[in-house]
C-alpha atoms as a PDB file:
ATOM      1  CA  UNK A   1      35.414  90.653-172.795  1.00  0.00           C
ATOM      2  CA  UNK A   2      34.932  92.700-169.647  1.00  0.00           C
ATOM      3  CA  UNK A   3      36.390  96.209-169.425  1.00  0.00           C
ATOM      4  CA  UNK A   4      39.452  96.065-171.766  1.00  0.00           C
ATOM      5  CA  UNK A   5      42.835  96.722-170.155  1.00  0.00           C
ATOM      6  CA  UNK A   6      45.616  97.372-172.654  1.00  0.00           C
ATOM      7  CA  UNK A   7      49.217  96.539-171.798  1.00  0.00           C
ATOM      8  CA  UNK A   8      52.440  97.428-173.595  1.00  0.00           C
ATOM      9  CA  UNK A   9      54.526  94.252-173.470  1.00  0.00           C
ATOM     10  CA  UNK A  10      58.230  94.454-174.309  1.00  0.00           C
ATOM     11  CA  UNK A  11      61.345  92.386-173.818  1.00  0.00           C
ATOM     12  CA  UNK A  12      64.614  94.210-174.490  1.00  0.00           C
ATOM     13  CA  UNK A  13      68.296  93.248-174.445  1.00  0.00           C
ATOM     14  CA  UNK A  14      71.496  95.292-174.663  1.00  0.00           C
ATOM     15  CA  UNK A  15      69.803  98.602-175.354  1.00  0.00           C
ATOM     16  CA  UNK A  16      68.091 101.669-173.968  1.00  0.00           C
ATOM     17  CA  UNK A  17      64.416 102.134-174.759  1.00  0.00           C
ATOM     18  CA  UNK A  18      62.169 105.156-174.470  1.00  0.00           C
ATOM     19  CA  UNK A  19      58.488 104.862-175.331  1.00  0.00           C
ATOM     20  CA  UNK A  20      55.926 107.590-175.903  1.00  0.00           C
ATOM     21  CA  UNK A  21      52.240 106.901-176.486  1.00  0.00           C
ATOM     22  CA  UNK A  22      50.298 109.750-178.080  1.00  0.00           C
ATOM     23  CA  UNK A  23      53.275 111.960-177.186  1.00  0.00           C
ATOM     24  CA  UNK A  24      53.181 111.029-173.487  1.00  0.00           C
ATOM     25  CA  UNK A  25      56.237 109.264-171.962  1.00  0.00           C
ATOM     26  CA  UNK A  26      55.319 105.804-170.666  1.00  0.00           C
ATOM     27  CA  UNK A  27      58.605 103.837-170.477  1.00  0.00           C
ATOM     28  CA  UNK A  28      62.280 104.719-169.998  1.00  0.00           C
ATOM     29  CA  UNK A  29      64.340 101.572-169.469  1.00  0.00           C
ATOM     30  CA  UNK A  30      67.858 100.204-169.953  1.00  0.00           C
ATOM     31  CA  UNK A  31      68.770  96.513-170.240  1.00  0.00           C
ATOM     32  CA  UNK A  32      72.461  95.966-169.489  1.00  0.00           C
ATOM     33  CA  UNK A  33      73.603  92.569-168.207  1.00  0.00           C
ATOM     34  CA  UNK A  34      70.311  90.717-168.554  1.00  0.00           C
ATOM     35  CA  UNK A  35      67.050  90.994-170.524  1.00  0.00           C
ATOM     36  CA  UNK A  36      64.303  93.240-169.147  1.00  0.00           C
ATOM     37  CA  UNK A  37      60.621  92.351-169.526  1.00  0.00           C
ATOM     38  CA  UNK A  38      57.776  94.704-168.698  1.00  0.00           C
ATOM     39  CA  UNK A  39      54.088  95.023-169.477  1.00  0.00           C
ATOM     40  CA  UNK A  40      52.628  98.209-167.957  1.00  0.00           C
ATOM     41  CA  UNK A  41      48.946  99.046-168.425  1.00  0.00           C
ATOM     42  CA  UNK A  42      48.474 101.951-170.848  1.00  0.00           C
ATOM     43  CA  UNK A  43      44.741 102.743-170.771  1.00  0.00           C
ATOM     44  CA  UNK A  44      45.489 106.196-169.318  1.00  0.00           C
ATOM     45  CA  UNK A  45      47.118 107.294-172.581  1.00  0.00           C
ATOM     46  CA  UNK A  46      44.723 105.949-175.208  1.00  0.00           C
ATOM     47  CA  UNK A  47      42.636 108.021-177.624  1.00  0.00           C
ATOM     48  CA  UNK A  48      40.459 105.363-179.303  1.00  0.00           C
ATOM     49  CA  UNK A  49      41.521 105.620-182.938  1.00  0.00           C
ATOM     50  CA  UNK A  50      45.013 106.000-184.394  1.00  0.00           C
ATOM     51  CA  UNK A  51      47.002 105.779-181.182  1.00  0.00           C
ATOM     52  CA  UNK A  52      50.632 106.601-182.018  1.00  0.00           C
ATOM     53  CA  UNK A  53      53.255 104.514-180.251  1.00  0.00           C
ATOM     54  CA  UNK A  54      56.868 105.677-180.648  1.00  0.00           C
ATOM     55  CA  UNK A  55      59.805 103.486-179.591  1.00  0.00           C
ATOM     56  CA  UNK A  56      63.213 105.152-179.420  1.00  0.00           C
ATOM     57  CA  UNK A  57      65.972 102.527-179.348  1.00  0.00           C
ATOM     58  CA  UNK A  58      69.697 102.994-178.755  1.00  0.00           C
ATOM     59  CA  UNK A  59      72.469 100.382-178.398  1.00  0.00           C
ATOM     60  CA  UNK A  60      74.510 100.505-175.211  1.00  0.00           C
ATOM     61  CA  UNK A  61      78.080 101.837-175.395  1.00  0.00           C
ATOM     62  CA  UNK A  62      80.833  99.244-175.354  1.00  0.00           C
ATOM     63  CA  UNK A  63      83.022  98.744-172.281  1.00  0.00           C
ATOM     64  CA  UNK A  64      85.731 100.946-173.807  1.00  0.00           C
ATOM     65  CA  UNK A  65      83.240 103.798-174.234  1.00  0.00           C
ATOM     66  CA  UNK A  66      82.914 103.484-177.992  1.00  0.00           C
ATOM     67  CA  UNK A  67      79.522 103.550-179.678  1.00  0.00           C
ATOM     68  CA  UNK A  68      77.365 100.469-179.397  1.00  0.00           C
ATOM     69  CA  UNK A  69      76.237  98.295-182.285  1.00  0.00           C
ATOM     70  CA  UNK A  70      72.600  97.948-183.346  1.00  0.00           C
ATOM     71  CA  UNK A  71      73.412  94.364-184.321  1.00  0.00           C
ATOM     72  CA  UNK A  72      73.538  93.542-180.602  1.00  0.00           C
ATOM     73  CA  UNK A  73      70.113  95.027-179.844  1.00  0.00           C
ATOM     74  CA  UNK A  74      66.978  92.988-179.256  1.00  0.00           C
ATOM     75  CA  UNK A  75      63.490  94.478-178.885  1.00  0.00           C
ATOM     76  CA  UNK A  76      60.364  92.314-178.942  1.00  0.00           C
ATOM     77  CA  UNK A  77      56.858  93.327-177.989  1.00  0.00           C
ATOM     78  CA  UNK A  78      53.208  93.879-178.628  1.00  0.00           C
ATOM     79  CA  UNK A  79      50.226  95.803-177.390  1.00  0.00           C
ATOM     80  CA  UNK A  80      47.935  93.235-175.778  1.00  0.00           C
ATOM     81  CA  UNK A  81      44.424  93.549-174.370  1.00  0.00           C
ATOM     82  CA  UNK A  82      43.058  91.722-171.345  1.00  0.00           C
ATOM     83  CA  UNK A  83      39.704  91.687-169.616  1.00  0.00           C
ATOM     84  CA  UNK A  84      39.590  93.417-166.249  1.00  0.00           C
ATOM     85  CA  UNK A  85      40.915  90.984-163.657  1.00  0.00           C
ATOM     86  CA  UNK A  86      42.712  88.724-166.150  1.00  0.00           C
ATOM     87  CA  UNK A  87      46.236  87.590-165.286  1.00  0.00           C
ATOM     88  CA  UNK A  88      49.014  89.275-167.279  1.00  0.00           C
ATOM     89  CA  UNK A  89      51.798  86.895-168.350  1.00  0.00           C
ATOM     90  CA  UNK A  90      54.608  87.058-170.926  1.00  0.00           C
ATOM     91  CA  UNK A  91      53.415  86.197-174.416  1.00  0.00           C
ATOM     92  CA  UNK A  92      49.785  85.759-173.409  1.00  0.00           C
ATOM     93  CA  UNK A  93      46.680  87.821-174.123  1.00  0.00           C
ATOM     94  CA  UNK A  94      45.119  88.866-177.455  1.00  0.00           C
ATOM     95  CA  UNK A  95      47.443  90.968-179.611  1.00  0.00           C
ATOM     96  CA  UNK A  96      46.268  94.396-180.760  1.00  0.00           C
ATOM     97  CA  UNK A  97      49.494  95.083-182.676  1.00  0.00           C
ATOM     98  CA  UNK A  98      52.878  93.403-182.894  1.00  0.00           C
ATOM     99  CA  UNK A  99      55.895  95.676-182.463  1.00  0.00           C
ATOM    100  CA  UNK A 100      58.001  94.521-185.404  1.00  0.00           C
ATOM    101  CA  UNK A 101      61.067  96.523-184.405  1.00  0.00           C
ATOM    102  CA  UNK A 102      63.621  93.838-185.324  1.00  0.00           C
ATOM    103  CA  UNK A 103      62.339  93.421-188.894  1.00  0.00           C
ATOM    104  CA  UNK A 104      62.497  97.149-189.524  1.00  0.00           C
ATOM    105  CA  UNK A 105      65.848  97.482-187.764  1.00  0.00           C
ATOM    106  CA  UNK A 106      67.361  94.760-189.946  1.00  0.00           C
ATOM    107  CA  UNK A 107      66.205  96.644-193.046  1.00  0.00           C
ATOM    108  CA  UNK A 108      67.707  99.899-191.771  1.00  0.00           C
ATOM    109  CA  UNK A 109      71.019  98.222-190.914  1.00  0.00           C
ATOM    110  CA  UNK A 110      71.237  96.659-194.389  1.00  0.00           C
ATOM    111  CA  UNK A 111      70.374  99.919-196.153  1.00  0.00           C
ATOM    112  CA  UNK A 112      72.949 101.834-194.090  1.00  0.00           C
ATOM    113  CA  UNK A 113      75.647  99.308-195.046  1.00  0.00           C
ATOM    114  CA  UNK A 114      74.711  99.635-198.712  1.00  0.00           C
ATOM    115  CA  UNK A 115      75.239 103.389-198.423  1.00  0.00           C
ATOM    116  CA  UNK A 116      78.464 102.782-196.456  1.00  0.00           C
ATOM    117  CA  UNK A 117      77.031 104.806-193.577  1.00  0.00           C
ATOM    118  CA  UNK A 118      76.697 104.321-189.854  1.00  0.00           C
ATOM    119  CA  UNK A 119      73.154 103.942-188.562  1.00  0.00           C
ATOM    120  CA  UNK A 120      72.335 106.960-186.423  1.00  0.00           C
ATOM    121  CA  UNK A 121      71.503 106.417-182.767  1.00  0.00           C
ATOM    122  CA  UNK A 122      68.854 106.412-181.490  1.00  0.00           C
ATOM    123  CA  UNK A 123      66.452 104.959-184.030  1.00  0.00           C
ATOM    124  CA  UNK A 124      62.707 105.623-183.722  1.00  0.00           C
ATOM    125  CA  UNK A 125      59.988 103.142-184.691  1.00  0.00           C
ATOM    126  CA  UNK A 126      56.336 104.192-184.977  1.00  0.00           C
ATOM    127  CA  UNK A 127      53.269 101.958-184.700  1.00  0.00           C
ATOM    128  CA  UNK A 128      49.621 103.001-185.006  1.00  0.00           C
ATOM    129  CA  UNK A 129      46.673 101.111-183.544  1.00  0.00           C
ATOM    130  CA  UNK A 130      43.043 101.557-182.468  1.00  0.00           C
ATOM    131  CA  UNK A 131      41.652 100.609-179.083  1.00  0.00           C
ATOM    132  CA  UNK A 132      38.279  99.635-177.707  1.00  0.00           C
ATOM    133  CA  UNK A 133      37.195 100.933-174.331  1.00  0.00           C
ATOM    134  CA  UNK A 134      38.295 104.170-172.655  1.00  0.00           C
ATOM    135  CA  UNK A 135      39.531 107.144-174.646  1.00  0.00           C
ATOM    136  CA  UNK A 136      41.233 110.322-173.418  1.00  0.00           C
ATOM    137  CA  UNK A 137      41.092 112.008-176.797  1.00  0.00           C
ATOM    138  CA  UNK A 138      39.557 115.145-175.300  1.00  0.00           C
ATOM    139  CA  UNK A 139      42.588 115.935-173.130  1.00  0.00           C
ATOM    140  CA  UNK A 140      45.429 114.303-175.097  1.00  0.00           C
ATOM    141  CA  UNK A 141      44.417 115.403-178.593  1.00  0.00           C
ATOM    142  CA  UNK A 142      41.690 118.026-178.556  1.00  0.00           C
ATOM    143  CA  UNK A 143      42.562 120.289-175.603  1.00  0.00           C
ATOM    144  CA  UNK A 144      44.375 123.531-176.384  1.00  0.00           C
ATOM    145  CA  UNK A 145      48.161 123.425-175.802  1.00  0.00           C
ATOM    146  CA  UNK A 146      49.599 125.924-173.308  1.00  0.00           C
ATOM    147  CA  UNK A 147      53.121 127.085-172.472  1.00  0.00           C
ATOM    148  CA  UNK A 148      52.893 129.191-169.320  1.00  0.00           C
ATOM    149  CA  UNK A 149      56.332 128.348-167.931  1.00  0.00           C
ATOM    150  CA  UNK A 150      55.960 130.814-165.055  1.00  0.00           C
ATOM    151  CA  UNK A 151      52.626 129.333-164.028  1.00  0.00           C
ATOM    152  CA  UNK A 152      53.984 125.790-164.225  1.00  0.00           C
ATOM    153  CA  UNK A 153      56.969 126.624-162.011  1.00  0.00           C
ATOM    154  CA  UNK A 154      54.744 128.491-159.565  1.00  0.00           C
ATOM    155  CA  UNK A 155      52.553 125.400-159.325  1.00  0.00           C
ATOM    156  CA  UNK A 156      55.581 123.186-158.715  1.00  0.00           C
ATOM    157  CA  UNK A 157      56.589 125.413-155.793  1.00  0.00           C
ATOM    158  CA  UNK A 158      53.036 125.254-154.460  1.00  0.00           C
ATOM    159  CA  UNK A 159      53.368 121.461-154.413  1.00  0.00           C
ATOM    160  CA  UNK A 160      56.823 121.708-152.832  1.00  0.00           C
ATOM    161  CA  UNK A 161      55.483 123.877-150.029  1.00  0.00           C
ATOM    162  CA  UNK A 162      52.677 121.377-149.412  1.00  0.00           C
ATOM    163  CA  UNK A 163      55.337 118.663-149.102  1.00  0.00           C
ATOM    164  CA  UNK A 164      57.403 120.778-146.729  1.00  0.00           C
ATOM    165  CA  UNK A 165      54.422 121.195-144.438  1.00  0.00           C
ATOM    166  CA  UNK A 166      53.400 117.515-144.824  1.00  0.00           C
ATOM    167  CA  UNK A 167      50.053 118.669-146.190  1.00  0.00           C
ATOM    168  CA  UNK A 168      49.085 115.272-147.564  1.00  0.00           C
ATOM    169  CA  UNK A 169      45.418 116.240-147.748  1.00  0.00           C
ATOM    170  CA  UNK A 170      46.333 119.182-149.953  1.00  0.00           C
ATOM    171  CA  UNK A 171      48.504 117.021-152.187  1.00  0.00           C
ATOM    172  CA  UNK A 172      45.743 114.443-152.523  1.00  0.00           C
ATOM    173  CA  UNK A 173      43.251 117.167-153.441  1.00  0.00           C
ATOM    174  CA  UNK A 174      45.557 118.373-156.233  1.00  0.00           C
ATOM    175  CA  UNK A 175      45.612 114.802-157.582  1.00  0.00           C
ATOM    176  CA  UNK A 176      41.831 114.477-157.881  1.00  0.00           C
ATOM    177  CA  UNK A 177      41.866 114.688-161.718  1.00  0.00           C
ATOM    178  CA  UNK A 178      44.422 111.847-161.690  1.00  0.00           C
ATOM    179  CA  UNK A 179      42.116 109.818-159.455  1.00  0.00           C
ATOM    180  CA  UNK A 180      39.198 110.342-161.833  1.00  0.00           C
ATOM    181  CA  UNK A 181      41.341 109.409-164.853  1.00  0.00           C
ATOM    182  CA  UNK A 182      42.437 106.157-163.217  1.00  0.00           C
ATOM    183  CA  UNK A 183      38.853 105.298-162.299  1.00  0.00           C
ATOM    184  CA  UNK A 184      37.704 105.794-165.898  1.00  0.00           C
ATOM    185  CA  UNK A 185      40.708 104.076-167.467  1.00  0.00           C
ATOM    186  CA  UNK A 186      40.497 100.935-165.356  1.00  0.00           C
ATOM    187  CA  UNK A 187      36.802 100.794-164.432  1.00  0.00           C
ATOM    188  CA  UNK A 188      37.603 101.229-160.759  1.00  0.00           C
ATOM    189  CA  UNK A 189      36.091 103.115-157.842  1.00  0.00           C
ATOM    190  CA  UNK A 190      37.278 106.708-157.529  1.00  0.00           C
ATOM    191  CA  UNK A 191      36.528 106.535-153.796  1.00  0.00           C
ATOM    192  CA  UNK A 192      38.755 103.482-153.398  1.00  0.00           C
ATOM    193  CA  UNK A 193      41.590 105.012-155.436  1.00  0.00           C
ATOM    194  CA  UNK A 194      41.355 108.301-153.534  1.00  0.00           C
ATOM    195  CA  UNK A 195      41.414 106.607-150.134  1.00  0.00           C
ATOM    196  CA  UNK A 196      44.376 104.459-151.122  1.00  0.00           C
ATOM    197  CA  UNK A 197      46.254 107.539-152.326  1.00  0.00           C
ATOM    198  CA  UNK A 198      45.577 109.407-149.088  1.00  0.00           C
ATOM    199  CA  UNK A 199      46.744 106.444-147.005  1.00  0.00           C
ATOM    200  CA  UNK A 200      49.978 106.077-148.990  1.00  0.00           C
ATOM    201  CA  UNK A 201      50.770 109.785-148.722  1.00  0.00           C
ATOM    202  CA  UNK A 202      50.057 109.865-144.988  1.00  0.00           C
ATOM    203  CA  UNK A 203      51.522 106.551-143.824  1.00  0.00           C
ATOM    204  CA  UNK A 204      54.511 106.273-146.125  1.00  0.00           C
ATOM    205  CA  UNK A 205      55.539 109.532-147.754  1.00  0.00           C
ATOM    206  CA  UNK A 206      54.836 111.838-144.805  1.00  0.00           C
ATOM    207  CA  UNK A 207      56.508 109.365-142.433  1.00  0.00           C
ATOM    208  CA  UNK A 208      59.654 109.123-144.542  1.00  0.00           C
ATOM    209  CA  UNK A 209      59.622 112.784-145.541  1.00  0.00           C
ATOM    210  CA  UNK A 210      59.840 114.495-148.918  1.00  0.00           C
ATOM    211  CA  UNK A 211      62.820 115.769-150.884  1.00  0.00           C
ATOM    212  CA  UNK A 212      62.183 119.509-151.167  1.00  0.00           C
ATOM    213  CA  UNK A 213      65.641 121.038-151.639  1.00  0.00           C
ATOM    214  CA  UNK A 214      64.821 122.721-154.931  1.00  0.00           C
ATOM    215  CA  UNK A 215      63.776 126.232-155.900  1.00  0.00           C
ATOM    216  CA  UNK A 216      61.533 127.670-158.566  1.00  0.00           C
ATOM    217  CA  UNK A 217      64.258 128.053-161.188  1.00  0.00           C
ATOM    218  CA  UNK A 218      65.383 124.451-160.614  1.00  0.00           C
ATOM    219  CA  UNK A 219      62.086 123.005-161.837  1.00  0.00           C
ATOM    220  CA  UNK A 220      62.348 121.253-165.195  1.00  0.00           C
ATOM    221  CA  UNK A 221      59.345 121.337-167.534  1.00  0.00           C
ATOM    222  CA  UNK A 222      58.718 118.379-169.847  1.00  0.00           C
ATOM    223  CA  UNK A 223      56.020 118.835-172.513  1.00  0.00           C
ATOM    224  CA  UNK A 224      53.672 115.957-173.328  1.00  0.00           C
ATOM    225  CA  UNK A 225      50.665 115.426-175.599  1.00  0.00           C
ATOM    226  CA  UNK A 226      51.729 118.294-177.828  1.00  0.00           C
ATOM    227  CA  UNK A 227      52.063 120.711-174.899  1.00  0.00           C
ATOM    228  CA  UNK A 228      48.602 119.898-173.537  1.00  0.00           C
ATOM    229  CA  UNK A 229      50.197 118.271-170.485  1.00  0.00           C
ATOM    230  CA  UNK A 230      53.475 119.021-168.696  1.00  0.00           C
ATOM    231  CA  UNK A 231      55.734 116.932-166.519  1.00  0.00           C
ATOM    232  CA  UNK A 232      57.223 118.743-163.520  1.00  0.00           C
ATOM    233  CA  UNK A 233      60.639 117.460-162.442  1.00  0.00           C
ATOM    234  CA  UNK A 234      63.452 118.276-160.086  1.00  0.00           C
ATOM    235  CA  UNK A 235      66.938 118.850-161.567  1.00  0.00           C
ATOM    236  CA  UNK A 236      68.158 115.926-163.638  1.00  0.00           C
ATOM    237  CA  UNK A 237      64.641 114.879-164.569  1.00  0.00           C
ATOM    238  CA  UNK A 238      63.979 113.458-161.097  1.00  0.00           C
ATOM    239  CA  UNK A 239      60.348 113.064-159.933  1.00  0.00           C
ATOM    240  CA  UNK A 240      58.941 116.099-158.166  1.00  0.00           C
ATOM    241  CA  UNK A 241      57.516 113.961-155.346  1.00  0.00           C
ATOM    242  CA  UNK A 242      60.116 111.686-153.800  1.00  0.00           C
ATOM    243  CA  UNK A 243      61.215 110.396-150.401  1.00  0.00           C
ATOM    244  CA  UNK A 244      64.874 110.589-149.292  1.00  0.00           C
ATOM    245  CA  UNK A 245      67.010 107.510-150.061  1.00  0.00           C
ATOM    246  CA  UNK A 246      67.034 104.789-147.418  1.00  0.00           C
ATOM    247  CA  UNK A 247      70.341 103.129-146.367  1.00  0.00           C
ATOM    248  CA  UNK A 248      70.183 100.960-149.496  1.00  0.00           C
ATOM    249  CA  UNK A 249      69.541 103.967-151.746  1.00  0.00           C
ATOM    250  CA  UNK A 250      65.893 103.108-152.385  1.00  0.00           C
ATOM    251  CA  UNK A 251      63.249 105.822-152.678  1.00  0.00           C
ATOM    252  CA  UNK A 252      59.518 106.147-153.237  1.00  0.00           C
ATOM    253  CA  UNK A 253      58.522 108.377-156.132  1.00  0.00           C
ATOM    254  CA  UNK A 254      55.436 109.904-157.744  1.00  0.00           C
ATOM    255  CA  UNK A 255      55.986 111.441-161.198  1.00  0.00           C
ATOM    256  CA  UNK A 256      53.892 114.585-161.603  1.00  0.00           C
ATOM    257  CA  UNK A 257      52.103 115.421-164.854  1.00  0.00           C
ATOM    258  CA  UNK A 258      49.833 118.453-164.826  1.00  0.00           C
ATOM    259  CA  UNK A 259      47.204 119.963-167.081  1.00  0.00           C
ATOM    260  CA  UNK A 260      44.546 122.649-167.050  1.00  0.00           C
ATOM    261  CA  UNK A 261      41.240 121.789-165.385  1.00  0.00           C
ATOM    262  CA  UNK A 262      38.617 124.553-165.330  1.00  0.00           C
ATOM    263  CA  UNK A 263      41.387 127.070-166.025  1.00  0.00           C
ATOM    264  CA  UNK A 264      43.647 125.955-163.150  1.00  0.00           C
ATOM    265  CA  UNK A 265      46.633 123.616-163.072  1.00  0.00           C
ATOM    266  CA  UNK A 266      46.016 120.249-161.438  1.00  0.00           C
ATOM    267  CA  UNK A 267      47.804 116.893-161.322  1.00  0.00           C
ATOM    268  CA  UNK A 268      46.226 114.754-164.060  1.00  0.00           C
ATOM    269  CA  UNK A 269      48.595 111.741-164.314  1.00  0.00           C
END
């Protein structure tokens, strides 16, 4: 196999799903009126051995607002690995680990009924697997955690000010560690990724404008990888980098995850 690309494949129905891989958020999805299928690449969050995948599942509330029923929930999935350039399709590709959520959920439902108890929501399911290929163990597992809330908020305002002045070159420079991570994770050219990023920031984001109506105390801090990385969000958990809604309510967004690089905060994911 050429450079291995790992994908998290899931199909969900009538539930909300949150997924963390090695304590980094990778999926937050709700399936309401129809099933949702997704298979995002996850190489950026792998550590080689004993990757920990956590799925948090919750049934959707009923129409009358009462609590949902886990009996209505459906979650199917697997971690699959493809060679670089292979087509990704539902149910195809070698399986690294099956996500046997439904088997475990059935056991939990039965045991709760035997105790005459309600099953708490959400329920969390944990799967552990190894991966070949790229590993980010050094930054996701071995780096020292940090909790400088003031420094994190100051950095968020630095990024906001760059957006206000349409300093796309400055924003792209702050994302250089992210560029390097993508190049390593997916065996790609850092030059190509960097140029594509610059073009998107200049031609699309700067043209549409940025949402910058937030202040330092509004910034929300979301720990990841045991506090080694931090997500920076606007109020309500909204992405820090976002364009204003178009007439149909659509936006362009870039979630911002930062970490220490040579003692300074930079955008790493």
